[in-house]
Amino acid sequence: MDETVIEEKTAPATADQWAERIAEQGRSGLSVKQFCKEGRLSEYSFYTWRKRLRQKEPVRFALVDRAVQRESAGEVGLELVLTTGERLRIGKQVDAAMLRMVVEALRG
């Protein structure tokens, strides 16, 4: 009797899934090549999705709390001082993809 092999097709990854993978790579500290190899992902797909997600409509506004807040030294990972004198405090646990989006919005 012949053996029948049924292949299960997985649903294509969504933009949200790729955004999470890209953020995960940023947090991992691994190169894209190593991350893709370990995750059994195509480097081509990784770079294609990263470019596609970066081309989304830029953020047009941001909520800024101008109230002075005191934070303990352990909570702030990085502080950027803009040429306008405003300060952007970035916590240690910030998501890399979110930080990129904020920086790109500031540039625009």
PDB file of N, CA and C in Angstrom:
ATOM      1  N   MET A   1       0.838  -1.166   0.000  1.00  0.00           N
ATOM      2  CA  MET A   1       0.000   0.000   0.000  1.00  0.00           C
ATOM      3  C   MET A   1       0.890   1.237   0.000  1.00  0.00           C
ATOM      4  N   ASP A   2       0.538   2.201  -0.833  1.00  0.00           N
ATOM      5  CA  ASP A   2       1.306   3.441  -0.902  1.00  0.00           C
ATOM      6  C   ASP A   2       1.043   4.292   0.338  1.00  0.00           C
ATOM      7  N   GLU A   3       2.115   4.948   0.758  1.00  0.00           N
ATOM      8  CA  GLU A   3       1.995   5.830   1.910  1.00  0.00           C
ATOM      9  C   GLU A   3       1.662   7.238   1.421  1.00  0.00           C
ATOM     10  N   THR A   4       0.630   7.823   1.960  1.00  0.00           N
ATOM     11  CA  THR A   4       0.223   9.161   1.563  1.00  0.00           C
ATOM     12  C   THR A   4       0.784  10.180   2.545  1.00  0.00           C
ATOM     13  N   VAL A   5       1.421  11.194   2.003  1.00  0.00           N
ATOM     14  CA  VAL A   5       1.971  12.262   2.841  1.00  0.00           C
ATOM     15  C   VAL A   5       1.116  13.501   2.636  1.00  0.00           C
ATOM     16  N   ILE A   6       0.606  14.022   3.726  1.00  0.00           N
ATOM     17  CA  ILE A   6      -0.206  15.227   3.662  1.00  0.00           C
ATOM     18  C   ILE A   6       0.616  16.355   4.279  1.00  0.00           C
ATOM     19  N   GLU A   7       0.862  17.358   3.478  1.00  0.00           N
ATOM     20  CA  GLU A   7       1.618  18.504   3.966  1.00  0.00           C
ATOM     21  C   GLU A   7       0.653  19.557   4.475  1.00  0.00           C
ATOM     22  N   GLU A   8       0.932  20.033   5.669  1.00  0.00           N
ATOM     23  CA  GLU A   8       0.122  21.118   6.202  1.00  0.00           C
ATOM     24  C   GLU A   8       0.738  22.429   5.772  1.00  0.00           C
ATOM     25  N   LYS A   9      -0.060  23.276   5.191  1.00  0.00           N
ATOM     26  CA  LYS A   9       0.424  24.592   4.810  1.00  0.00           C
ATOM     27  C   LYS A   9       0.113  25.547   5.945  1.00  0.00           C
ATOM     28  N   THR A  10       1.119  26.290   6.327  1.00  0.00           N
ATOM     29  CA  THR A  10       0.898  27.273   7.374  1.00  0.00           C
ATOM     30  C   THR A  10       0.440  28.577   6.733  1.00  0.00           C
ATOM     31  N   ALA A  11      -0.343  29.315   7.477  1.00  0.00           N
ATOM     32  CA  ALA A  11      -0.827  30.603   6.981  1.00  0.00           C
ATOM     33  C   ALA A  11       0.351  31.557   6.853  1.00  0.00           C
ATOM     34  N   PRO A  12       0.341  32.403   5.841  1.00  0.00           N
ATOM     35  CA  PRO A  12       1.418  33.372   5.694  1.00  0.00           C
ATOM     36  C   PRO A  12       1.490  34.291   6.917  1.00  0.00           C
ATOM     37  N   ALA A  13       2.701  34.679   7.259  1.00  0.00           N
ATOM     38  CA  ALA A  13       2.892  35.559   8.405  1.00  0.00           C
ATOM     39  C   ALA A  13       2.294  36.938   8.121  1.00  0.00           C
ATOM     40  N   THR A  14       1.716  37.518   9.143  1.00  0.00           N
ATOM     41  CA  THR A  14       1.111  38.842   8.997  1.00  0.00           C
ATOM     42  C   THR A  14       2.142  39.927   9.304  1.00  0.00           C
ATOM     43  N   ALA A  15       1.762  41.153   9.007  1.00  0.00           N
ATOM     44  CA  ALA A  15       2.638  42.288   9.287  1.00  0.00           C
ATOM     45  C   ALA A  15       2.938  42.375  10.782  1.00  0.00           C
ATOM     46  N   ASP A  16       1.937  42.093  11.612  1.00  0.00           N
ATOM     47  CA  ASP A  16       2.155  42.136  13.061  1.00  0.00           C
ATOM     48  C   ASP A  16       3.166  41.078  13.499  1.00  0.00           C
ATOM     49  N   GLN A  17       3.080  39.897  12.912  1.00  0.00           N
ATOM     50  CA  GLN A  17       4.025  38.832  13.256  1.00  0.00           C
ATOM     51  C   GLN A  17       5.439  39.223  12.839  1.00  0.00           C
ATOM     52  N   TRP A  18       5.584  39.819  11.660  1.00  0.00           N
ATOM     53  CA  TRP A  18       6.906  40.238  11.208  1.00  0.00           C
ATOM     54  C   TRP A  18       7.426  41.400  12.039  1.00  0.00           C
ATOM     55  N   ALA A  19       6.553  42.312  12.432  1.00  0.00           N
ATOM     56  CA  ALA A  19       6.982  43.428  13.287  1.00  0.00           C
ATOM     57  C   ALA A  19       7.536  42.888  14.599  1.00  0.00           C
ATOM     58  N   GLU A  20       6.876  41.875  15.144  1.00  0.00           N
ATOM     59  CA  GLU A  20       7.357  41.266  16.391  1.00  0.00           C
ATOM     60  C   GLU A  20       8.688  40.546  16.168  1.00  0.00           C
ATOM     61  N   ARG A  21       8.814  39.835  15.063  1.00  0.00           N
ATOM     62  CA  ARG A  21      10.085  39.151  14.764  1.00  0.00           C
ATOM     63  C   ARG A  21      11.231  40.155  14.631  1.00  0.00           C
ATOM     64  N   ILE A  22      10.964  41.257  13.954  1.00  0.00           N
ATOM     65  CA  ILE A  22      11.989  42.280  13.744  1.00  0.00           C
ATOM     66  C   ILE A  22      12.379  42.912  15.076  1.00  0.00           C
ATOM     67  N   ALA A  23      11.386  43.186  15.913  1.00  0.00           N
ATOM     68  CA  ALA A  23      11.675  43.730  17.240  1.00  0.00           C
ATOM     69  C   ALA A  23      12.459  42.719  18.071  1.00  0.00           C
ATOM     70  N   GLU A  24      12.084  41.459  17.971  1.00  0.00           N
ATOM     71  CA  GLU A  24      12.765  40.391  18.709  1.00  0.00           C
ATOM     72  C   GLU A  24      14.232  40.294  18.286  1.00  0.00           C
ATOM     73  N   GLN A  25      14.496  40.444  16.995  1.00  0.00           N
ATOM     74  CA  GLN A  25      15.881  40.417  16.515  1.00  0.00           C
ATOM     75  C   GLN A  25      16.670  41.572  17.118  1.00  0.00           C
ATOM     76  N   GLY A  26      16.056  42.749  17.184  1.00  0.00           N
ATOM     77  CA  GLY A  26      16.722  43.901  17.772  1.00  0.00           C
ATOM     78  C   GLY A  26      17.054  43.690  19.233  1.00  0.00           C
ATOM     79  N   ARG A  27      16.141  43.045  19.974  1.00  0.00           N
ATOM     80  CA  ARG A  27      16.367  42.775  21.396  1.00  0.00           C
ATOM     81  C   ARG A  27      17.381  41.656  21.611  1.00  0.00           C
ATOM     82  N   SER A  28      17.493  40.766  20.642  1.00  0.00           N
ATOM     83  CA  SER A  28      18.330  39.572  20.818  1.00  0.00           C
ATOM     84  C   SER A  28      19.825  39.869  20.827  1.00  0.00           C
ATOM     85  N   GLY A  29      20.226  40.924  20.140  1.00  0.00           N
ATOM     86  CA  GLY A  29      21.650  41.215  20.034  1.00  0.00           C
ATOM     87  C   GLY A  29      22.328  40.391  18.952  1.00  0.00           C
ATOM     88  N   LEU A  30      21.576  39.553  18.264  1.00  0.00           N
ATOM     89  CA  LEU A  30      22.118  38.731  17.187  1.00  0.00           C
ATOM     90  C   LEU A  30      22.101  39.502  15.878  1.00  0.00           C
ATOM     91  N   SER A  31      22.991  39.146  14.984  1.00  0.00           N
ATOM     92  CA  SER A  31      22.947  39.719  13.640  1.00  0.00           C
ATOM     93  C   SER A  31      21.693  39.181  12.958  1.00  0.00           C
ATOM     94  N   VAL A  32      21.262  39.869  11.898  1.00  0.00           N
ATOM     95  CA  VAL A  32      20.090  39.415  11.162  1.00  0.00           C
ATOM     96  C   VAL A  32      20.336  38.010  10.622  1.00  0.00           C
ATOM     97  N   LYS A  33      21.531  37.796  10.096  1.00  0.00           N
ATOM     98  CA  LYS A  33      21.863  36.488   9.521  1.00  0.00           C
ATOM     99  C   LYS A  33      21.737  35.379  10.567  1.00  0.00           C
ATOM    100  N   GLN A  34      22.316  35.600  11.757  1.00  0.00           N
ATOM    101  CA  GLN A  34      22.273  34.580  12.807  1.00  0.00           C
ATOM    102  C   GLN A  34      20.847  34.391  13.317  1.00  0.00           C
ATOM    103  N   PHE A  35      20.120  35.498  13.506  1.00  0.00           N
ATOM    104  CA  PHE A  35      18.744  35.417  13.992  1.00  0.00           C
ATOM    105  C   PHE A  35      17.881  34.609  13.030  1.00  0.00           C
ATOM    106  N   CYS A  36      18.018  34.898  11.730  1.00  0.00           N
ATOM    107  CA  CYS A  36      17.235  34.182  10.720  1.00  0.00           C
ATOM    108  C   CYS A  36      17.620  32.707  10.668  1.00  0.00           C
ATOM    109  N   LYS A  37      18.898  32.438  10.803  1.00  0.00           N
ATOM    110  CA  LYS A  37      19.357  31.044  10.766  1.00  0.00           C
ATOM    111  C   LYS A  37      18.771  30.265  11.938  1.00  0.00           C
ATOM    112  N   GLU A  38      18.854  30.850  13.137  1.00  0.00           N
ATOM    113  CA  GLU A  38      18.329  30.168  14.327  1.00  0.00           C
ATOM    114  C   GLU A  38      16.811  30.046  14.300  1.00  0.00           C
ATOM    115  N   GLY A  39      16.140  31.042  13.715  1.00  0.00           N
ATOM    116  CA  GLY A  39      14.681  31.016  13.651  1.00  0.00           C
ATOM    117  C   GLY A  39      14.134  30.362  12.398  1.00  0.00           C
ATOM    118  N   ARG A  40      15.038  29.854  11.558  1.00  0.00           N
ATOM    119  CA  ARG A  40      14.653  29.229  10.288  1.00  0.00           C
ATOM    120  C   ARG A  40      13.796  30.169   9.439  1.00  0.00           C
ATOM    121  N   LEU A  41      14.283  31.416   9.354  1.00  0.00           N
ATOM    122  CA  LEU A  41      13.617  32.435   8.551  1.00  0.00           C
ATOM    123  C   LEU A  41      14.475  32.778   7.358  1.00  0.00           C
ATOM    124  N   SER A  42      13.842  33.229   6.313  1.00  0.00           N
ATOM    125  CA  SER A  42      14.562  33.678   5.131  1.00  0.00           C
ATOM    126  C   SER A  42      15.069  35.098   5.381  1.00  0.00           C
ATOM    127  N   GLU A  43      16.374  35.322   5.165  1.00  0.00           N
ATOM    128  CA  GLU A  43      16.923  36.673   5.305  1.00  0.00           C
ATOM    129  C   GLU A  43      16.230  37.623   4.330  1.00  0.00           C
ATOM    130  N   TYR A  44      15.972  37.137   3.133  1.00  0.00           N
ATOM    131  CA  TYR A  44      15.307  37.957   2.120  1.00  0.00           C
ATOM    132  C   TYR A  44      13.952  38.436   2.649  1.00  0.00           C
ATOM    133  N   SER A  45      13.170  37.511   3.230  1.00  0.00           N
ATOM    134  CA  SER A  45      11.862  37.882   3.774  1.00  0.00           C
ATOM    135  C   SER A  45      12.007  38.861   4.931  1.00  0.00           C
ATOM    136  N   PHE A  46      13.012  38.633   5.784  1.00  0.00           N
ATOM    137  CA  PHE A  46      13.245  39.516   6.922  1.00  0.00           C
ATOM    138  C   PHE A  46      13.481  40.947   6.448  1.00  0.00           C
ATOM    139  N   TYR A  47      14.426  41.111   5.517  1.00  0.00           N
ATOM    140  CA  TYR A  47      14.748  42.454   5.020  1.00  0.00           C
ATOM    141  C   TYR A  47      13.583  43.070   4.249  1.00  0.00           C
ATOM    142  N   THR A  48      12.853  42.246   3.495  1.00  0.00           N
ATOM    143  CA  THR A  48      11.700  42.743   2.746  1.00  0.00           C
ATOM    144  C   THR A  48      10.639  43.281   3.697  1.00  0.00           C
ATOM    145  N   TRP A  49      10.324  42.516   4.741  1.00  0.00           N
ATOM    146  CA  TRP A  49       9.315  42.955   5.706  1.00  0.00           C
ATOM    147  C   TRP A  49       9.795  44.162   6.500  1.00  0.00           C
ATOM    148  N   ARG A  50      11.068  44.189   6.853  1.00  0.00           N
ATOM    149  CA  ARG A  50      11.589  45.328   7.603  1.00  0.00           C
ATOM    150  C   ARG A  50      11.438  46.611   6.782  1.00  0.00           C
ATOM    151  N   LYS A  51      11.765  46.512   5.499  1.00  0.00           N
ATOM    152  CA  LYS A  51      11.627  47.684   4.620  1.00  0.00           C
ATOM    153  C   LYS A  51      10.153  48.065   4.475  1.00  0.00           C
ATOM    154  N   ARG A  52       9.299  47.092   4.276  1.00  0.00           N
ATOM    155  CA  ARG A  52       7.865  47.342   4.096  1.00  0.00           C
ATOM    156  C   ARG A  52       7.276  48.013   5.340  1.00  0.00           C
ATOM    157  N   LEU A  53       7.658  47.529   6.510  1.00  0.00           N
ATOM    158  CA  LEU A  53       7.114  48.087   7.746  1.00  0.00           C
ATOM    159  C   LEU A  53       7.646  49.494   8.021  1.00  0.00           C
ATOM    160  N   ARG A  54       8.848  49.788   7.578  1.00  0.00           N
ATOM    161  CA  ARG A  54       9.413  51.128   7.750  1.00  0.00           C
ATOM    162  C   ARG A  54       8.745  52.133   6.827  1.00  0.00           C
ATOM    163  N   GLN A  55       8.153  51.656   5.735  1.00  0.00           N
ATOM    164  CA  GLN A  55       7.538  52.552   4.756  1.00  0.00           C
ATOM    165  C   GLN A  55       6.096  52.895   5.109  1.00  0.00           C
ATOM    166  N   LYS A  56       5.609  52.386   6.233  1.00  0.00           N
ATOM    167  CA  LYS A  56       4.252  52.731   6.641  1.00  0.00           C
ATOM    168  C   LYS A  56       4.175  54.224   6.902  1.00  0.00           C
ATOM    169  N   GLU A  57       2.970  54.714   6.901  1.00  0.00           N
ATOM    170  CA  GLU A  57       2.734  56.137   7.136  1.00  0.00           C
ATOM    171  C   GLU A  57       3.418  56.571   8.422  1.00  0.00           C
ATOM    172  N   PRO A  58       4.208  57.645   8.379  1.00  0.00           N
ATOM    173  CA  PRO A  58       4.920  58.091   9.582  1.00  0.00           C
ATOM    174  C   PRO A  58       3.966  58.654  10.628  1.00  0.00           C
ATOM    175  N   VAL A  59       4.412  58.619  11.857  1.00  0.00           N
ATOM    176  CA  VAL A  59       3.635  59.173  12.954  1.00  0.00           C
ATOM    177  C   VAL A  59       3.606  60.688  12.793  1.00  0.00           C
ATOM    178  N   ARG A  60       2.444  61.277  12.886  1.00  0.00           N
ATOM    179  CA  ARG A  60       2.292  62.708  12.661  1.00  0.00           C
ATOM    180  C   ARG A  60       2.281  63.516  13.960  1.00  0.00           C
ATOM    181  N   PHE A  61       2.073  62.857  15.086  1.00  0.00           N
ATOM    182  CA  PHE A  61       2.015  63.585  16.346  1.00  0.00           C
ATOM    183  C   PHE A  61       2.523  62.673  17.449  1.00  0.00           C
ATOM    184  N   ALA A  62       2.810  63.288  18.570  1.00  0.00           N
ATOM    185  CA  ALA A  62       3.229  62.525  19.736  1.00  0.00           C
ATOM    186  C   ALA A  62       2.723  63.245  20.974  1.00  0.00           C
ATOM    187  N   LEU A  63       2.325  62.504  21.976  1.00  0.00           N
ATOM    188  CA  LEU A  63       1.891  63.063  23.234  1.00  0.00           C
ATOM    189  C   LEU A  63       3.135  63.357  24.057  1.00  0.00           C
ATOM    190  N   VAL A  64       3.271  64.588  24.512  1.00  0.00           N
ATOM    191  CA  VAL A  64       4.434  64.978  25.291  1.00  0.00           C
ATOM    192  C   VAL A  64       3.950  65.464  26.648  1.00  0.00           C
ATOM    193  N   ASP A  65       4.463  64.867  27.691  1.00  0.00           N
ATOM    194  CA  ASP A  65       4.145  65.290  29.045  1.00  0.00           C
ATOM    195  C   ASP A  65       5.234  66.250  29.488  1.00  0.00           C
ATOM    196  N   ARG A  66       4.910  67.503  29.606  1.00  0.00           N
ATOM    197  CA  ARG A  66       5.909  68.513  29.962  1.00  0.00           C
ATOM    198  C   ARG A  66       6.110  68.634  31.464  1.00  0.00           C
ATOM    199  N   ALA A  67       5.331  67.898  32.242  1.00  0.00           N
ATOM    200  CA  ALA A  67       5.490  67.942  33.692  1.00  0.00           C
ATOM    201  C   ALA A  67       6.838  67.325  34.063  1.00  0.00           C
ATOM    202  N   VAL A  68       7.494  67.932  35.018  1.00  0.00           N
ATOM    203  CA  VAL A  68       8.791  67.422  35.468  1.00  0.00           C
ATOM    204  C   VAL A  68       8.544  66.177  36.303  1.00  0.00           C
ATOM    205  N   GLN A  69       9.214  65.114  35.932  1.00  0.00           N
ATOM    206  CA  GLN A  69       9.084  63.867  36.671  1.00  0.00           C
ATOM    207  C   GLN A  69      10.452  63.452  37.168  1.00  0.00           C
ATOM    208  N   ARG A  70      10.500  63.038  38.388  1.00  0.00           N
ATOM    209  CA  ARG A  70      11.762  62.562  38.945  1.00  0.00           C
ATOM    210  C   ARG A  70      11.766  61.045  38.830  1.00  0.00           C
ATOM    211  N   GLU A  71      12.836  60.538  38.262  1.00  0.00           N
ATOM    212  CA  GLU A  71      12.976  59.097  38.100  1.00  0.00           C
ATOM    213  C   GLU A  71      14.247  58.672  38.791  1.00  0.00           C
ATOM    214  N   SER A  72      14.218  57.482  39.327  1.00  0.00           N
ATOM    215  CA  SER A  72      15.440  57.000  39.952  1.00  0.00           C
ATOM    216  C   SER A  72      16.460  56.695  38.865  1.00  0.00           C
ATOM    217  N   ALA A  73      17.722  56.749  39.214  1.00  0.00           N
ATOM    218  CA  ALA A  73      18.795  56.542  38.233  1.00  0.00           C
ATOM    219  C   ALA A  73      18.688  55.189  37.550  1.00  0.00           C
ATOM    220  N   GLY A  74      18.117  54.199  38.216  1.00  0.00           N
ATOM    221  CA  GLY A  74      18.018  52.860  37.646  1.00  0.00           C
ATOM    222  C   GLY A  74      16.945  52.711  36.590  1.00  0.00           C
ATOM    223  N   GLU A  75      15.994  53.660  36.528  1.00  0.00           N
ATOM    224  CA  GLU A  75      14.883  53.541  35.590  1.00  0.00           C
ATOM    225  C   GLU A  75      15.203  54.078  34.203  1.00  0.00           C
ATOM    226  N   VAL A  76      16.104  55.039  34.105  1.00  0.00           N
ATOM    227  CA  VAL A  76      16.415  55.663  32.823  1.00  0.00           C
ATOM    228  C   VAL A  76      17.585  54.941  32.179  1.00  0.00           C
ATOM    229  N   GLY A  77      17.387  54.483  30.946  1.00  0.00           N
ATOM    230  CA  GLY A  77      18.447  53.813  30.225  1.00  0.00           C
ATOM    231  C   GLY A  77      19.263  54.797  29.402  1.00  0.00           C
ATOM    232  N   LEU A  78      18.589  55.828  28.896  1.00  0.00           N
ATOM    233  CA  LEU A  78      19.225  56.790  28.005  1.00  0.00           C
ATOM    234  C   LEU A  78      18.426  58.080  28.035  1.00  0.00           C
ATOM    235  N   GLU A  79      19.110  59.200  27.943  1.00  0.00           N
ATOM    236  CA  GLU A  79      18.425  60.486  27.868  1.00  0.00           C
ATOM    237  C   GLU A  79      18.987  61.260  26.696  1.00  0.00           C
ATOM    238  N   LEU A  80      18.125  61.632  25.762  1.00  0.00           N
ATOM    239  CA  LEU A  80      18.528  62.438  24.619  1.00  0.00           C
ATOM    240  C   LEU A  80      18.136  63.878  24.889  1.00  0.00           C
ATOM    241  N   VAL A  81      19.070  64.792  24.673  1.00  0.00           N
ATOM    242  CA  VAL A  81      18.775  66.213  24.810  1.00  0.00           C
ATOM    243  C   VAL A  81      18.721  66.781  23.399  1.00  0.00           C
ATOM    244  N   LEU A  82      17.548  67.264  23.020  1.00  0.00           N
ATOM    245  CA  LEU A  82      17.349  67.801  21.679  1.00  0.00           C
ATOM    246  C   LEU A  82      17.929  69.210  21.588  1.00  0.00           C
ATOM    247  N   THR A  83      18.165  69.686  20.384  1.00  0.00           N
ATOM    248  CA  THR A  83      18.728  71.025  20.190  1.00  0.00           C
ATOM    249  C   THR A  83      17.797  72.105  20.730  1.00  0.00           C
ATOM    250  N   THR A  84      16.532  71.786  20.889  1.00  0.00           N
ATOM    251  CA  THR A  84      15.564  72.739  21.438  1.00  0.00           C
ATOM    252  C   THR A  84      15.646  72.803  22.961  1.00  0.00           C
ATOM    253  N   GLY A  85      16.460  71.908  23.546  1.00  0.00           N
ATOM    254  CA  GLY A  85      16.587  71.858  24.996  1.00  0.00           C
ATOM    255  C   GLY A  85      15.659  70.845  25.640  1.00  0.00           C
ATOM    256  N   GLU A  86      14.743  70.295  24.872  1.00  0.00           N
ATOM    257  CA  GLU A  86      13.840  69.282  25.410  1.00  0.00           C
ATOM    258  C   GLU A  86      14.596  67.978  25.611  1.00  0.00           C
ATOM    259  N   ARG A  87      14.148  67.207  26.557  1.00  0.00           N
ATOM    260  CA  ARG A  87      14.808  65.943  26.892  1.00  0.00           C
ATOM    261  C   ARG A  87      13.865  64.775  26.610  1.00  0.00           C
ATOM    262  N   LEU A  88      14.428  63.729  26.075  1.00  0.00           N
ATOM    263  CA  LEU A  88      13.683  62.511  25.803  1.00  0.00           C
ATOM    264  C   LEU A  88      14.322  61.414  26.634  1.00  0.00           C
ATOM    265  N   ARG A  89      13.599  60.937  27.634  1.00  0.00           N
ATOM    266  CA  ARG A  89      14.111  59.879  28.502  1.00  0.00           C
ATOM    267  C   ARG A  89      13.599  58.531  27.998  1.00  0.00           C
ATOM    268  N   ILE A  90      14.526  57.622  27.815  1.00  0.00           N
ATOM    269  CA  ILE A  90      14.205  56.314  27.255  1.00  0.00           C
ATOM    270  C   ILE A  90      14.517  55.262  28.307  1.00  0.00           C
ATOM    271  N   GLY A  91      13.501  54.536  28.724  1.00  0.00           N
ATOM    272  CA  GLY A  91      13.674  53.501  29.739  1.00  0.00           C
ATOM    273  C   GLY A  91      14.446  52.310  29.220  1.00  0.00           C
ATOM    274  N   LYS A  92      14.988  51.552  30.126  1.00  0.00           N
ATOM    275  CA  LYS A  92      15.799  50.391  29.762  1.00  0.00           C
ATOM    276  C   LYS A  92      14.995  49.309  29.048  1.00  0.00           C
ATOM    277  N   GLN A  93      13.706  49.223  29.308  1.00  0.00           N
ATOM    278  CA  GLN A  93      12.878  48.153  28.752  1.00  0.00           C
ATOM    279  C   GLN A  93      12.152  48.547  27.469  1.00  0.00           C
ATOM    280  N   VAL A  94      12.542  49.672  26.840  1.00  0.00           N
ATOM    281  CA  VAL A  94      11.842  50.136  25.646  1.00  0.00           C
ATOM    282  C   VAL A  94      12.014  49.131  24.499  1.00  0.00           C
ATOM    283  N   ASP A  95      10.961  48.976  23.734  1.00  0.00           N
ATOM    284  CA  ASP A  95      10.973  48.091  22.572  1.00  0.00           C
ATOM    285  C   ASP A  95      11.759  48.777  21.447  1.00  0.00           C
ATOM    286  N   ALA A  96      12.700  48.071  20.841  1.00  0.00           N
ATOM    287  CA  ALA A  96      13.570  48.636  19.811  1.00  0.00           C
ATOM    288  C   ALA A  96      12.773  49.181  18.622  1.00  0.00           C
ATOM    289  N   ALA A  97      11.732  48.477  18.199  1.00  0.00           N
ATOM    290  CA  ALA A  97      10.930  48.933  17.053  1.00  0.00           C
ATOM    291  C   ALA A  97      10.208  50.236  17.394  1.00  0.00           C
ATOM    292  N   MET A  98       9.710  50.339  18.617  1.00  0.00           N
ATOM    293  CA  MET A  98       9.019  51.558  19.037  1.00  0.00           C
ATOM    294  C   MET A  98      10.003  52.727  19.089  1.00  0.00           C
ATOM    295  N   LEU A  99      11.209  52.479  19.599  1.00  0.00           N
ATOM    296  CA  LEU A  99      12.215  53.530  19.665  1.00  0.00           C
ATOM    297  C   LEU A  99      12.580  54.030  18.275  1.00  0.00           C
ATOM    298  N   ARG A 100      12.738  53.109  17.310  1.00  0.00           N
ATOM    299  CA  ARG A 100      13.023  53.506  15.929  1.00  0.00           C
ATOM    300  C   ARG A 100      11.911  54.395  15.381  1.00  0.00           C
ATOM    301  N   MET A 101      10.660  54.029  15.664  1.00  0.00           N
ATOM    302  CA  MET A 101       9.529  54.784  15.167  1.00  0.00           C
ATOM    303  C   MET A 101       9.527  56.198  15.767  1.00  0.00           C
ATOM    304  N   VAL A 102       9.835  56.324  17.050  1.00  0.00           N
ATOM    305  CA  VAL A 102       9.876  57.636  17.698  1.00  0.00           C
ATOM    306  C   VAL A 102      10.989  58.485  17.099  1.00  0.00           C
ATOM    307  N   VAL A 103      12.181  57.908  16.932  1.00  0.00           N
ATOM    308  CA  VAL A 103      13.306  58.647  16.378  1.00  0.00           C
ATOM    309  C   VAL A 103      12.998  59.098  14.953  1.00  0.00           C
ATOM    310  N   GLU A 104      12.404  58.230  14.158  1.00  0.00           N
ATOM    311  CA  GLU A 104      12.048  58.594  12.785  1.00  0.00           C
ATOM    312  C   GLU A 104      11.008  59.717  12.771  1.00  0.00           C
ATOM    313  N   ALA A 105      10.082  59.702  13.726  1.00  0.00           N
ATOM    314  CA  ALA A 105       9.071  60.768  13.810  1.00  0.00           C
ATOM    315  C   ALA A 105       9.737  62.091  14.169  1.00  0.00           C
ATOM    316  N   LEU A 106      10.728  62.041  15.045  1.00  0.00           N
ATOM    317  CA  LEU A 106      11.443  63.261  15.418  1.00  0.00           C
ATOM    318  C   LEU A 106      12.241  63.830  14.250  1.00  0.00           C
ATOM    319  N   ARG A 107      12.753  62.965  13.405  1.00  0.00           N
ATOM    320  CA  ARG A 107      13.521  63.418  12.237  1.00  0.00           C
ATOM    321  C   ARG A 107      12.629  64.096  11.211  1.00  0.00           C
ATOM    322  N   GLY A 108      11.389  63.594  11.093  1.00  0.00           N
ATOM    323  CA  GLY A 108      10.477  64.077  10.059  1.00  0.00           C
ATOM    324  C   GLY A 108       9.911  65.374  10.395  1.00  0.00           C
TER     325      GLY A 108
END
